[in-house]
Amino acid sequence: MTWAGLAGFEGPALLFTGDVDLNSPPSAVAACAELFHRGTFVEQPGAGHCPWADDPGRFVAAVASFLV
């Protein structure tokens, strides 16, 4: 089952969405982040489904912070 597979993943996982994303609503993405042992949820203010286009600087900063 997919949910069990996700829960068994031991590595870090970043789940990122914009706060006005209609395709991947923040509540759904946050719930998915909770499936991972080391899941991190980031909600970018003022961003839609393409947060890297809406505010590239904020997106890069958040992803870079996760990767460090």
C-alpha atoms as a PDB file:
ATOM      1  CA  MET A   1       0.000   0.000   0.000  1.00  0.00           C
ATOM      2  CA  THR A   2       1.280   3.483  -0.828  1.00  0.00           C
ATOM      3  CA  TRP A   3       0.612   4.968   2.627  1.00  0.00           C
ATOM      4  CA  ALA A   4       2.572   2.221   4.339  1.00  0.00           C
ATOM      5  CA  GLY A   5       5.412   2.669   1.872  1.00  0.00           C
ATOM      6  CA  LEU A   6       5.583   6.383   2.602  1.00  0.00           C
ATOM      7  CA  ALA A   7       5.502   5.764   6.329  1.00  0.00           C
ATOM      8  CA  GLY A   8       8.399   3.338   5.963  1.00  0.00           C
ATOM      9  CA  PHE A   9      10.626   5.890   4.236  1.00  0.00           C
ATOM     10  CA  GLU A  10      13.346   6.920   6.687  1.00  0.00           C
ATOM     11  CA  GLY A  11      14.938   9.816   4.802  1.00  0.00           C
ATOM     12  CA  PRO A  12      14.002  13.469   5.060  1.00  0.00           C
ATOM     13  CA  ALA A  13      11.112  14.649   2.890  1.00  0.00           C
ATOM     14  CA  LEU A  14      10.150  18.219   2.054  1.00  0.00           C
ATOM     15  CA  LEU A  15       6.530  18.836   1.115  1.00  0.00           C
ATOM     16  CA  PHE A  16       6.048  22.363  -0.156  1.00  0.00           C
ATOM     17  CA  THR A  17       2.966  24.266  -1.262  1.00  0.00           C
ATOM     18  CA  GLY A  18       1.688  27.779  -1.673  1.00  0.00           C
ATOM     19  CA  ASP A  19      -0.989  29.026   0.682  1.00  0.00           C
ATOM     20  CA  VAL A  20      -3.351  29.707  -2.260  1.00  0.00           C
ATOM     21  CA  ASP A  21      -2.570  26.510  -4.194  1.00  0.00           C
ATOM     22  CA  LEU A  22      -5.884  25.047  -5.333  1.00  0.00           C
ATOM     23  CA  ASN A  23      -4.292  21.907  -6.788  1.00  0.00           C
ATOM     24  CA  SER A  24      -2.311  20.936  -3.682  1.00  0.00           C
ATOM     25  CA  PRO A  25      -4.136  22.603  -0.785  1.00  0.00           C
ATOM     26  CA  PRO A  26      -1.986  23.268   2.279  1.00  0.00           C
ATOM     27  CA  SER A  27      -4.167  21.102   4.519  1.00  0.00           C
ATOM     28  CA  ALA A  28      -3.714  18.079   2.228  1.00  0.00           C
ATOM     29  CA  VAL A  29       0.026  18.634   1.837  1.00  0.00           C
ATOM     30  CA  ALA A  30       0.452  19.044   5.608  1.00  0.00           C
ATOM     31  CA  ALA A  31      -1.403  15.770   6.157  1.00  0.00           C
ATOM     32  CA  CYS A  32       0.889  14.017   3.686  1.00  0.00           C
ATOM     33  CA  ALA A  33       3.962  15.429   5.434  1.00  0.00           C
ATOM     34  CA  GLU A  34       2.816  13.747   8.625  1.00  0.00           C
ATOM     35  CA  LEU A  35       3.105  10.346   6.916  1.00  0.00           C
ATOM     36  CA  PHE A  36       6.882  10.643   6.834  1.00  0.00           C
ATOM     37  CA  HIS A  37       9.083  10.045   9.882  1.00  0.00           C
ATOM     38  CA  ARG A  38      11.155  13.072   8.915  1.00  0.00           C
ATOM     39  CA  GLY A  39       8.607  15.051   6.931  1.00  0.00           C
ATOM     40  CA  THR A  40       8.853  18.820   6.767  1.00  0.00           C
ATOM     41  CA  PHE A  41       5.900  20.900   5.598  1.00  0.00           C
ATOM     42  CA  VAL A  42       6.434  24.387   4.161  1.00  0.00           C
ATOM     43  CA  GLU A  43       3.598  26.696   3.152  1.00  0.00           C
ATOM     44  CA  GLN A  44       4.732  29.698   1.131  1.00  0.00           C
ATOM     45  CA  PRO A  45       2.604  32.809   1.737  1.00  0.00           C
ATOM     46  CA  GLY A  46       1.072  34.400  -1.335  1.00  0.00           C
ATOM     47  CA  ALA A  47       2.014  31.525  -3.621  1.00  0.00           C
ATOM     48  CA  GLY A  48      -0.116  29.302  -5.793  1.00  0.00           C
ATOM     49  CA  HIS A  49       0.740  25.992  -7.446  1.00  0.00           C
ATOM     50  CA  CYS A  50       4.106  27.277  -8.731  1.00  0.00           C
ATOM     51  CA  PRO A  51       5.722  28.877  -5.669  1.00  0.00           C
ATOM     52  CA  TRP A  52       9.101  29.050  -7.423  1.00  0.00           C
ATOM     53  CA  ALA A  53       7.517  31.402  -9.975  1.00  0.00           C
ATOM     54  CA  ASP A  54       5.478  33.443  -7.477  1.00  0.00           C
ATOM     55  CA  ASP A  55       8.439  34.288  -5.227  1.00  0.00           C
ATOM     56  CA  PRO A  56      11.645  32.599  -6.390  1.00  0.00           C
ATOM     57  CA  GLY A  57      13.782  34.022  -3.595  1.00  0.00           C
ATOM     58  CA  ARG A  58      11.534  32.742  -0.828  1.00  0.00           C
ATOM     59  CA  PHE A  59      11.238  29.345  -2.512  1.00  0.00           C
ATOM     60  CA  VAL A  60      14.998  28.944  -2.955  1.00  0.00           C
ATOM     61  CA  ALA A  61      15.646  30.031   0.633  1.00  0.00           C
ATOM     62  CA  ALA A  62      13.191  27.473   2.017  1.00  0.00           C
ATOM     63  CA  VAL A  63      14.501  24.599  -0.098  1.00  0.00           C
ATOM     64  CA  ALA A  64      18.149  25.518   0.556  1.00  0.00           C
ATOM     65  CA  SER A  65      17.447  25.622   4.303  1.00  0.00           C
ATOM     66  CA  PHE A  66      15.980  22.123   4.120  1.00  0.00           C
ATOM     67  CA  LEU A  67      18.947  20.774   2.155  1.00  0.00           C
ATOM     68  CA  VAL A  68      21.609  22.131   4.530  1.00  0.00           C
END
